[in-house]
Amino acid sequence: MNLFKTNGLCYFYRDTEHNFHMVNFVLKCKEMKIVIGSDHAGFELKENLREFLVLEGHEVVDHGTYSLDSVDYPDFAHKVANDVNNGTIEKGILVCGSGQGVCMTANKYQGVRAALAWTAEIAGLSREHNNANVVCLPARFIEVLEAKNVVKTFIETSFEGGRHERRVNKIVVGIC
């Protein structure tokens, strides 16, 4: 897809008949560096989300997988979680068949708060109330459009703090 950017605000692409179509406005979303990864079951959804994020103006670090060949989801979840845990990248996205495996793996990292989300409302609440920094999607149970809404909500929603901050601070092992 050939993309053309005008005035830094809109993206256009040219179809096979050379007609231009507006794809996206990049006004609301602050550009962010985002890390993404998936296993084979989540590969196609990850590719759709990666392209969507680039069109939204974000820099995307893709830790794979890069094909439909069978792989082990923890290998990719560890790469994404490590980047978020060490502060290299602020937010991450993980995709596997159910979303559960990558979520469980990512949550092994002290600085990661991974949330399984299949609706935008759940993604928003995971940010507002839990300060989630990784969203995990179930590729076998979510359509591409809804997944894009989940990711967009996750990225654009802020942590509310206040009473929620006290609770989030208690998540760390041994802090009560």
N, C-alpha and C. Protein backbone atom coordinates (compact mmCIF):
# COMPACT_ATOMS: atom_id res chain seq x y z
N MET A 1 0.85 -1.18 0.00
CA MET A 1 0.00 0.00 0.00
C MET A 1 0.89 1.23 0.00
N ASN A 2 0.72 2.13 -0.95
CA ASN A 2 1.45 3.39 -0.99
C ASN A 2 0.67 4.43 -0.22
N LEU A 3 1.29 4.99 0.81
CA LEU A 3 0.63 6.00 1.63
C LEU A 3 1.19 7.38 1.31
N PHE A 4 0.31 8.34 1.32
CA PHE A 4 0.69 9.73 1.09
C PHE A 4 0.16 10.53 2.27
N LYS A 5 1.03 11.35 2.86
CA LYS A 5 0.65 12.15 4.02
C LYS A 5 0.58 13.61 3.59
N THR A 6 -0.52 14.28 3.97
CA THR A 6 -0.66 15.69 3.63
C THR A 6 -0.76 16.53 4.89
N ASN A 7 0.01 17.58 4.96
CA ASN A 7 -0.01 18.51 6.10
C ASN A 7 0.17 17.82 7.43
N GLY A 8 0.71 16.61 7.46
CA GLY A 8 0.91 15.89 8.70
C GLY A 8 -0.36 15.44 9.37
N LEU A 9 -1.51 15.58 8.70
CA LEU A 9 -2.77 15.28 9.35
C LEU A 9 -3.49 14.07 8.78
N CYS A 10 -3.45 13.90 7.48
CA CYS A 10 -4.25 12.85 6.85
C CYS A 10 -3.36 11.90 6.06
N TYR A 11 -3.75 10.66 6.04
CA TYR A 11 -3.10 9.68 5.17
C TYR A 11 -4.06 9.33 4.04
N PHE A 12 -3.49 9.17 2.86
CA PHE A 12 -4.26 8.75 1.70
C PHE A 12 -3.55 7.56 1.08
N TYR A 13 -4.32 6.72 0.41
CA TYR A 13 -3.69 5.70 -0.40
C TYR A 13 -4.32 5.74 -1.78
N ARG A 14 -3.56 5.24 -2.75
CA ARG A 14 -4.03 5.23 -4.12
C ARG A 14 -4.37 3.80 -4.50
N ASP A 15 -5.60 3.58 -4.99
CA ASP A 15 -6.01 2.23 -5.38
C ASP A 15 -5.49 1.92 -6.77
N THR A 16 -5.85 0.75 -7.29
CA THR A 16 -5.33 0.31 -8.58
C THR A 16 -5.77 1.20 -9.73
N GLU A 17 -6.90 1.92 -9.56
CA GLU A 17 -7.34 2.85 -10.59
C GLU A 17 -6.80 4.25 -10.34
N HIS A 18 -5.86 4.38 -9.43
CA HIS A 18 -5.20 5.64 -9.09
C HIS A 18 -6.12 6.66 -8.46
N ASN A 19 -7.19 6.20 -7.83
CA ASN A 19 -8.05 7.09 -7.05
C ASN A 19 -7.48 7.17 -5.64
N PHE A 20 -7.54 8.38 -5.06
CA PHE A 20 -7.04 8.57 -3.72
C PHE A 20 -8.17 8.39 -2.71
N HIS A 21 -7.88 7.71 -1.61
CA HIS A 21 -8.85 7.49 -0.55
C HIS A 21 -8.23 7.91 0.77
N MET A 22 -8.97 8.70 1.56
CA MET A 22 -8.48 9.09 2.86
C MET A 22 -8.57 7.89 3.79
N VAL A 23 -7.49 7.61 4.51
CA VAL A 23 -7.44 6.46 5.41
C VAL A 23 -7.67 6.89 6.85
N ASN A 24 -7.08 8.00 7.25
CA ASN A 24 -7.04 8.23 8.68
C ASN A 24 -6.66 9.67 9.02
N PHE A 25 -7.21 10.20 10.10
CA PHE A 25 -6.74 11.46 10.67
C PHE A 25 -5.81 11.13 11.81
N VAL A 26 -4.75 11.88 11.94
CA VAL A 26 -3.81 11.66 13.03
C VAL A 26 -3.82 12.93 13.88
N LEU A 27 -4.91 13.16 14.58
CA LEU A 27 -5.06 14.36 15.39
C LEU A 27 -5.10 14.04 16.88
N LYS A 28 -5.89 13.06 17.27
CA LYS A 28 -6.11 12.78 18.68
C LYS A 28 -4.98 11.98 19.31
N CYS A 29 -4.45 11.06 18.58
CA CYS A 29 -3.51 10.10 19.12
C CYS A 29 -2.10 10.67 19.13
N LYS A 30 -1.49 10.74 20.30
CA LYS A 30 -0.10 11.17 20.33
C LYS A 30 0.75 10.03 19.82
N GLU A 31 1.75 10.37 19.06
CA GLU A 31 2.62 9.32 18.54
C GLU A 31 3.33 8.64 19.70
N MET A 32 3.40 7.33 19.63
CA MET A 32 3.95 6.54 20.72
C MET A 32 4.73 5.38 20.12
N LYS A 33 5.72 4.92 20.84
CA LYS A 33 6.43 3.71 20.45
C LYS A 33 5.73 2.56 21.15
N ILE A 34 5.28 1.59 20.37
CA ILE A 34 4.49 0.47 20.88
C ILE A 34 5.15 -0.83 20.43
N VAL A 35 5.21 -1.80 21.33
CA VAL A 35 5.77 -3.10 20.99
C VAL A 35 4.63 -4.10 20.81
N ILE A 36 4.78 -4.97 19.83
CA ILE A 36 3.72 -5.94 19.52
C ILE A 36 4.33 -7.31 19.27
N GLY A 37 3.58 -8.34 19.61
CA GLY A 37 4.03 -9.70 19.35
C GLY A 37 2.86 -10.67 19.35
N SER A 38 3.07 -11.82 18.73
CA SER A 38 2.01 -12.83 18.66
C SER A 38 2.62 -14.20 18.40
N ASP A 39 1.78 -15.20 18.59
CA ASP A 39 2.14 -16.53 18.13
C ASP A 39 1.50 -16.73 16.76
N HIS A 40 1.54 -17.95 16.24
CA HIS A 40 0.99 -18.24 14.92
C HIS A 40 -0.52 -18.00 14.85
N ALA A 41 -1.24 -18.30 15.93
CA ALA A 41 -2.70 -18.11 15.94
C ALA A 41 -3.06 -16.63 15.88
N GLY A 42 -2.20 -15.79 16.39
CA GLY A 42 -2.47 -14.35 16.39
C GLY A 42 -1.78 -13.59 15.28
N PHE A 43 -1.02 -14.30 14.43
CA PHE A 43 -0.21 -13.63 13.41
C PHE A 43 -1.01 -12.69 12.51
N GLU A 44 -2.11 -13.16 11.92
CA GLU A 44 -2.86 -12.33 10.98
C GLU A 44 -3.46 -11.10 11.67
N LEU A 45 -3.99 -11.27 12.88
CA LEU A 45 -4.53 -10.12 13.61
C LEU A 45 -3.41 -9.15 13.97
N LYS A 46 -2.27 -9.68 14.40
CA LYS A 46 -1.12 -8.82 14.71
C LYS A 46 -0.72 -7.99 13.51
N GLU A 47 -0.68 -8.59 12.35
CA GLU A 47 -0.31 -7.86 11.13
C GLU A 47 -1.30 -6.73 10.85
N ASN A 48 -2.59 -7.01 11.02
CA ASN A 48 -3.62 -5.97 10.84
C ASN A 48 -3.43 -4.85 11.85
N LEU A 49 -3.16 -5.20 13.10
CA LEU A 49 -2.98 -4.19 14.14
C LEU A 49 -1.70 -3.38 13.92
N ARG A 50 -0.65 -4.04 13.49
CA ARG A 50 0.61 -3.34 13.21
C ARG A 50 0.40 -2.28 12.14
N GLU A 51 -0.26 -2.65 11.06
CA GLU A 51 -0.54 -1.70 9.98
C GLU A 51 -1.43 -0.56 10.48
N PHE A 52 -2.44 -0.88 11.26
CA PHE A 52 -3.34 0.12 11.84
C PHE A 52 -2.56 1.11 12.70
N LEU A 53 -1.68 0.61 13.53
CA LEU A 53 -0.90 1.48 14.42
C LEU A 53 0.03 2.41 13.64
N VAL A 54 0.64 1.89 12.60
CA VAL A 54 1.51 2.73 11.75
C VAL A 54 0.68 3.83 11.10
N LEU A 55 -0.50 3.49 10.61
CA LEU A 55 -1.38 4.50 10.01
C LEU A 55 -1.83 5.54 11.03
N GLU A 56 -1.90 5.16 12.30
CA GLU A 56 -2.26 6.08 13.37
C GLU A 56 -1.09 6.99 13.75
N GLY A 57 0.08 6.71 13.18
CA GLY A 57 1.24 7.57 13.44
C GLY A 57 2.19 7.05 14.50
N HIS A 58 2.03 5.81 14.92
CA HIS A 58 2.87 5.25 15.96
C HIS A 58 4.07 4.51 15.36
N GLU A 59 5.13 4.46 16.14
CA GLU A 59 6.27 3.62 15.80
C GLU A 59 6.01 2.25 16.41
N VAL A 60 6.12 1.21 15.62
CA VAL A 60 5.80 -0.14 16.10
C VAL A 60 7.04 -1.01 16.04
N VAL A 61 7.36 -1.62 17.18
CA VAL A 61 8.42 -2.61 17.26
C VAL A 61 7.74 -3.97 17.24
N ASP A 62 8.00 -4.74 16.20
CA ASP A 62 7.34 -6.03 16.00
C ASP A 62 8.30 -7.15 16.37
N HIS A 63 7.99 -7.87 17.46
CA HIS A 63 8.83 -8.98 17.91
C HIS A 63 8.36 -10.33 17.36
N GLY A 64 7.52 -10.31 16.33
CA GLY A 64 7.12 -11.56 15.69
C GLY A 64 5.87 -12.16 16.33
N THR A 65 5.53 -13.27 15.88
CA THR A 65 6.09 -14.09 14.86
C THR A 65 5.85 -13.45 13.50
N TYR A 66 6.51 -13.98 12.49
CA TYR A 66 6.44 -13.37 11.18
C TYR A 66 5.82 -14.30 10.13
N SER A 67 5.13 -15.34 10.59
CA SER A 67 4.46 -16.26 9.66
C SER A 67 3.40 -17.06 10.42
N LEU A 68 2.70 -17.91 9.68
CA LEU A 68 1.68 -18.79 10.28
C LEU A 68 2.27 -20.10 10.80
N ASP A 69 3.59 -20.28 10.68
CA ASP A 69 4.24 -21.50 11.17
C ASP A 69 4.06 -21.61 12.68
N SER A 70 3.79 -22.80 13.15
CA SER A 70 3.56 -23.05 14.57
C SER A 70 4.78 -22.65 15.41
N VAL A 71 4.51 -21.88 16.47
CA VAL A 71 5.55 -21.41 17.39
C VAL A 71 4.99 -21.46 18.82
N ASP A 72 5.83 -21.19 19.78
CA ASP A 72 5.44 -21.18 21.19
C ASP A 72 5.18 -19.76 21.65
N TYR A 73 3.96 -19.47 22.11
CA TYR A 73 3.58 -18.12 22.48
C TYR A 73 4.47 -17.47 23.55
N PRO A 74 5.02 -18.23 24.54
CA PRO A 74 5.84 -17.55 25.54
C PRO A 74 7.07 -16.86 24.96
N ASP A 75 7.62 -17.40 23.87
CA ASP A 75 8.81 -16.80 23.28
C ASP A 75 8.56 -15.35 22.87
N PHE A 76 7.38 -15.06 22.38
CA PHE A 76 7.06 -13.72 21.90
C PHE A 76 6.51 -12.84 23.02
N ALA A 77 5.80 -13.46 23.94
CA ALA A 77 5.29 -12.71 25.10
C ALA A 77 6.45 -12.21 25.96
N HIS A 78 7.49 -13.02 26.11
CA HIS A 78 8.66 -12.60 26.90
C HIS A 78 9.34 -11.38 26.27
N LYS A 79 9.46 -11.37 24.96
CA LYS A 79 10.12 -10.25 24.27
C LYS A 79 9.35 -8.94 24.49
N VAL A 80 8.04 -8.99 24.33
CA VAL A 80 7.21 -7.80 24.51
C VAL A 80 7.23 -7.37 25.98
N ALA A 81 7.02 -8.31 26.88
CA ALA A 81 6.98 -7.99 28.31
C ALA A 81 8.31 -7.43 28.79
N ASN A 82 9.40 -7.95 28.29
CA ASN A 82 10.71 -7.46 28.68
C ASN A 82 10.88 -5.99 28.29
N ASP A 83 10.47 -5.62 27.09
CA ASP A 83 10.58 -4.22 26.65
C ASP A 83 9.76 -3.29 27.53
N VAL A 84 8.56 -3.72 27.91
CA VAL A 84 7.70 -2.89 28.76
C VAL A 84 8.26 -2.88 30.19
N ASN A 85 8.68 -4.01 30.68
CA ASN A 85 9.20 -4.13 32.04
C ASN A 85 10.43 -3.25 32.27
N ASN A 86 11.33 -3.23 31.30
CA ASN A 86 12.55 -2.45 31.49
C ASN A 86 12.40 -0.98 31.11
N GLY A 87 11.19 -0.59 30.71
CA GLY A 87 10.92 0.81 30.42
C GLY A 87 11.35 1.29 29.05
N THR A 88 11.83 0.38 28.23
CA THR A 88 12.24 0.74 26.87
C THR A 88 11.05 1.24 26.06
N ILE A 89 9.89 0.59 26.26
CA ILE A 89 8.67 0.94 25.54
C ILE A 89 7.53 1.02 26.54
N GLU A 90 6.68 2.04 26.39
CA GLU A 90 5.62 2.31 27.37
C GLU A 90 4.48 1.30 27.34
N LYS A 91 4.04 0.90 26.13
CA LYS A 91 2.87 0.02 26.02
C LYS A 91 3.14 -1.11 25.04
N GLY A 92 2.49 -2.26 25.34
CA GLY A 92 2.65 -3.43 24.49
C GLY A 92 1.33 -4.06 24.13
N ILE A 93 1.36 -4.82 23.06
CA ILE A 93 0.20 -5.54 22.56
C ILE A 93 0.65 -6.98 22.29
N LEU A 94 -0.13 -7.93 22.81
CA LEU A 94 0.15 -9.34 22.58
C LEU A 94 -1.11 -10.01 22.04
N VAL A 95 -0.91 -10.97 21.13
CA VAL A 95 -2.04 -11.67 20.52
C VAL A 95 -1.70 -13.16 20.45
N CYS A 96 -2.64 -13.97 20.92
CA CYS A 96 -2.56 -15.41 20.70
C CYS A 96 -3.98 -15.91 20.51
N GLY A 97 -4.18 -17.19 20.38
CA GLY A 97 -5.51 -17.73 20.10
C GLY A 97 -6.56 -17.29 21.10
N SER A 98 -6.29 -17.49 22.38
CA SER A 98 -7.25 -17.12 23.43
C SER A 98 -6.88 -15.82 24.13
N GLY A 99 -5.65 -15.37 23.97
CA GLY A 99 -5.15 -14.22 24.70
C GLY A 99 -4.64 -14.57 26.08
N GLN A 100 -5.04 -15.72 26.59
CA GLN A 100 -4.71 -16.11 27.96
C GLN A 100 -3.23 -16.45 28.13
N GLY A 101 -2.69 -17.22 27.23
CA GLY A 101 -1.30 -17.67 27.37
C GLY A 101 -0.32 -16.51 27.39
N VAL A 102 -0.47 -15.58 26.44
CA VAL A 102 0.44 -14.44 26.41
C VAL A 102 0.23 -13.54 27.62
N CYS A 103 -1.00 -13.44 28.10
CA CYS A 103 -1.31 -12.62 29.27
C CYS A 103 -0.66 -13.20 30.52
N MET A 104 -0.78 -14.51 30.70
CA MET A 104 -0.16 -15.17 31.86
C MET A 104 1.35 -14.99 31.84
N THR A 105 1.94 -15.15 30.66
CA THR A 105 3.39 -15.02 30.53
C THR A 105 3.84 -13.59 30.84
N ALA A 106 3.19 -12.62 30.24
CA ALA A 106 3.58 -11.22 30.44
C ALA A 106 3.46 -10.80 31.90
N ASN A 107 2.45 -11.30 32.58
CA ASN A 107 2.24 -10.92 33.98
C ASN A 107 3.26 -11.53 34.94
N LYS A 108 4.18 -12.33 34.47
CA LYS A 108 5.28 -12.83 35.29
C LYS A 108 6.32 -11.74 35.55
N TYR A 109 6.27 -10.67 34.78
CA TYR A 109 7.24 -9.57 34.91
C TYR A 109 6.72 -8.55 35.92
N GLN A 110 7.57 -8.17 36.86
CA GLN A 110 7.20 -7.28 37.95
C GLN A 110 6.58 -5.96 37.48
N GLY A 111 7.11 -5.38 36.42
CA GLY A 111 6.64 -4.07 35.95
C GLY A 111 5.57 -4.13 34.88
N VAL A 112 5.04 -5.31 34.63
CA VAL A 112 4.01 -5.47 33.59
C VAL A 112 2.66 -5.71 34.25
N ARG A 113 1.66 -5.00 33.73
CA ARG A 113 0.26 -5.23 34.12
C ARG A 113 -0.50 -5.51 32.83
N ALA A 114 -0.52 -6.79 32.47
CA ALA A 114 -1.15 -7.21 31.22
C ALA A 114 -2.63 -7.52 31.46
N ALA A 115 -3.47 -7.06 30.55
CA ALA A 115 -4.91 -7.26 30.66
C ALA A 115 -5.44 -7.92 29.41
N LEU A 116 -6.25 -8.94 29.61
CA LEU A 116 -6.95 -9.60 28.50
C LEU A 116 -8.18 -8.76 28.18
N ALA A 117 -8.30 -8.34 26.93
CA ALA A 117 -9.44 -7.49 26.55
C ALA A 117 -9.99 -7.93 25.20
N TRP A 118 -11.30 -8.02 25.13
CA TRP A 118 -11.98 -8.38 23.87
C TRP A 118 -13.03 -7.36 23.51
N THR A 119 -13.18 -6.31 24.34
CA THR A 119 -14.04 -5.17 23.99
C THR A 119 -13.29 -3.90 24.35
N ALA A 120 -13.68 -2.81 23.71
CA ALA A 120 -13.06 -1.51 24.01
C ALA A 120 -13.34 -1.10 25.45
N GLU A 121 -14.52 -1.42 25.96
CA GLU A 121 -14.85 -1.05 27.33
C GLU A 121 -13.90 -1.72 28.33
N ILE A 122 -13.62 -3.00 28.12
CA ILE A 122 -12.70 -3.71 29.01
C ILE A 122 -11.30 -3.10 28.90
N ALA A 123 -10.87 -2.79 27.68
CA ALA A 123 -9.55 -2.17 27.50
C ALA A 123 -9.47 -0.83 28.22
N GLY A 124 -10.53 -0.03 28.10
CA GLY A 124 -10.56 1.28 28.76
C GLY A 124 -10.49 1.15 30.27
N LEU A 125 -11.26 0.23 30.82
CA LEU A 125 -11.25 0.03 32.27
C LEU A 125 -9.90 -0.51 32.75
N SER A 126 -9.26 -1.34 31.93
CA SER A 126 -7.95 -1.86 32.32
C SER A 126 -6.92 -0.74 32.42
N ARG A 127 -7.08 0.28 31.62
CA ARG A 127 -6.19 1.45 31.70
C ARG A 127 -6.61 2.37 32.85
N GLU A 128 -7.89 2.72 32.92
CA GLU A 128 -8.38 3.67 33.92
C GLU A 128 -8.18 3.16 35.34
N HIS A 129 -8.52 1.92 35.59
CA HIS A 129 -8.54 1.39 36.95
C HIS A 129 -7.31 0.57 37.32
N ASN A 130 -6.67 -0.07 36.34
CA ASN A 130 -5.57 -0.99 36.63
C ASN A 130 -4.23 -0.54 36.07
N ASN A 131 -4.21 0.57 35.35
CA ASN A 131 -2.99 1.09 34.73
C ASN A 131 -2.28 0.01 33.92
N ALA A 132 -3.06 -0.79 33.19
CA ALA A 132 -2.48 -1.84 32.35
C ALA A 132 -1.52 -1.21 31.34
N ASN A 133 -0.40 -1.89 31.12
CA ASN A 133 0.56 -1.39 30.14
C ASN A 133 0.77 -2.38 28.98
N VAL A 134 0.10 -3.51 29.04
CA VAL A 134 0.08 -4.47 27.93
C VAL A 134 -1.36 -4.94 27.77
N VAL A 135 -1.85 -4.93 26.54
CA VAL A 135 -3.17 -5.46 26.26
C VAL A 135 -3.00 -6.76 25.48
N CYS A 136 -3.77 -7.77 25.86
CA CYS A 136 -3.69 -9.09 25.23
C CYS A 136 -5.02 -9.38 24.55
N LEU A 137 -4.95 -9.80 23.30
CA LEU A 137 -6.15 -10.03 22.52
C LEU A 137 -6.30 -11.49 22.11
N PRO A 138 -7.55 -11.98 22.12
CA PRO A 138 -7.83 -13.37 21.72
C PRO A 138 -8.18 -13.45 20.24
N ALA A 139 -7.20 -13.77 19.41
CA ALA A 139 -7.38 -13.74 17.95
C ALA A 139 -8.53 -14.62 17.47
N ARG A 140 -8.79 -15.71 18.14
CA ARG A 140 -9.85 -16.63 17.71
C ARG A 140 -11.24 -16.17 18.11
N PHE A 141 -11.32 -15.11 18.91
CA PHE A 141 -12.61 -14.69 19.45
C PHE A 141 -12.91 -13.22 19.24
N ILE A 142 -12.19 -12.54 18.35
CA ILE A 142 -12.40 -11.11 18.13
C ILE A 142 -12.22 -10.79 16.65
N GLU A 143 -13.09 -9.93 16.15
CA GLU A 143 -12.98 -9.48 14.76
C GLU A 143 -11.94 -8.36 14.67
N VAL A 144 -11.39 -8.16 13.49
CA VAL A 144 -10.34 -7.17 13.29
C VAL A 144 -10.81 -5.77 13.69
N LEU A 145 -12.00 -5.38 13.29
CA LEU A 145 -12.49 -4.03 13.61
C LEU A 145 -12.59 -3.84 15.13
N GLU A 146 -13.12 -4.82 15.83
CA GLU A 146 -13.22 -4.70 17.29
C GLU A 146 -11.83 -4.68 17.91
N ALA A 147 -10.90 -5.47 17.39
CA ALA A 147 -9.53 -5.47 17.90
C ALA A 147 -8.89 -4.10 17.74
N LYS A 148 -9.14 -3.44 16.62
CA LYS A 148 -8.62 -2.08 16.41
C LYS A 148 -9.22 -1.12 17.42
N ASN A 149 -10.52 -1.26 17.71
CA ASN A 149 -11.16 -0.42 18.72
C ASN A 149 -10.57 -0.67 20.10
N VAL A 150 -10.31 -1.92 20.41
CA VAL A 150 -9.69 -2.27 21.69
C VAL A 150 -8.33 -1.59 21.82
N VAL A 151 -7.51 -1.73 20.79
CA VAL A 151 -6.16 -1.16 20.82
C VAL A 151 -6.20 0.36 20.88
N LYS A 152 -7.05 0.97 20.08
CA LYS A 152 -7.16 2.44 20.09
C LYS A 152 -7.58 2.95 21.47
N THR A 153 -8.57 2.30 22.07
CA THR A 153 -9.03 2.68 23.41
C THR A 153 -7.92 2.48 24.42
N PHE A 154 -7.23 1.37 24.34
CA PHE A 154 -6.13 1.08 25.26
C PHE A 154 -5.06 2.16 25.19
N ILE A 155 -4.70 2.57 24.00
CA ILE A 155 -3.64 3.56 23.82
C ILE A 155 -4.07 4.95 24.28
N GLU A 156 -5.31 5.31 23.99
CA GLU A 156 -5.77 6.67 24.25
C GLU A 156 -6.30 6.90 25.66
N THR A 157 -6.54 5.85 26.43
CA THR A 157 -7.13 6.00 27.76
C THR A 157 -6.03 6.18 28.80
N SER A 158 -6.24 7.12 29.70
CA SER A 158 -5.29 7.41 30.77
C SER A 158 -5.68 6.71 32.07
N PHE A 159 -4.70 6.49 32.90
CA PHE A 159 -4.92 5.94 34.23
C PHE A 159 -5.54 7.02 35.11
N GLU A 160 -6.60 6.68 35.83
CA GLU A 160 -7.29 7.65 36.69
C GLU A 160 -6.53 7.98 37.96
N GLY A 161 -5.70 7.07 38.44
CA GLY A 161 -4.98 7.31 39.69
C GLY A 161 -5.94 7.29 40.87
N GLY A 162 -5.68 8.17 41.85
CA GLY A 162 -6.55 8.25 43.02
C GLY A 162 -6.64 6.92 43.75
N ARG A 163 -7.86 6.52 44.08
CA ARG A 163 -8.06 5.27 44.82
C ARG A 163 -7.54 4.06 44.04
N HIS A 164 -7.52 4.17 42.71
CA HIS A 164 -7.03 3.07 41.89
C HIS A 164 -5.51 2.91 42.03
N GLU A 165 -4.81 4.00 42.23
CA GLU A 165 -3.35 3.91 42.37
C GLU A 165 -2.97 3.11 43.61
N ARG A 166 -3.67 3.32 44.70
CA ARG A 166 -3.41 2.56 45.93
C ARG A 166 -3.57 1.06 45.65
N ARG A 167 -4.61 0.72 44.91
CA ARG A 167 -4.88 -0.70 44.60
C ARG A 167 -3.83 -1.28 43.66
N VAL A 168 -3.47 -0.52 42.65
CA VAL A 168 -2.47 -0.99 41.70
C VAL A 168 -1.13 -1.21 42.41
N ASN A 169 -0.80 -0.33 43.33
CA ASN A 169 0.46 -0.49 44.08
C ASN A 169 0.49 -1.76 44.90
N LYS A 170 -0.66 -2.30 45.25
CA LYS A 170 -0.74 -3.54 46.03
C LYS A 170 -0.57 -4.79 45.17
N ILE A 171 -0.54 -4.63 43.85
CA ILE A 171 -0.36 -5.78 42.96
C ILE A 171 1.04 -6.36 43.11
N VAL A 172 2.03 -5.51 43.32
CA VAL A 172 3.42 -5.96 43.43
C VAL A 172 3.53 -6.98 44.56
N VAL A 173 4.21 -8.07 44.30
CA VAL A 173 4.35 -9.15 45.27
C VAL A 173 4.96 -8.63 46.58
N GLY A 174 4.33 -8.97 47.69
CA GLY A 174 4.87 -8.63 49.00
C GLY A 174 4.52 -7.23 49.49
N ILE A 175 3.76 -6.45 48.72
CA ILE A 175 3.38 -5.11 49.14
C ILE A 175 1.91 -5.13 49.53
N CYS A 176 1.64 -4.99 50.83
CA CYS A 176 0.26 -4.94 51.30
C CYS A 176 0.11 -3.91 52.41
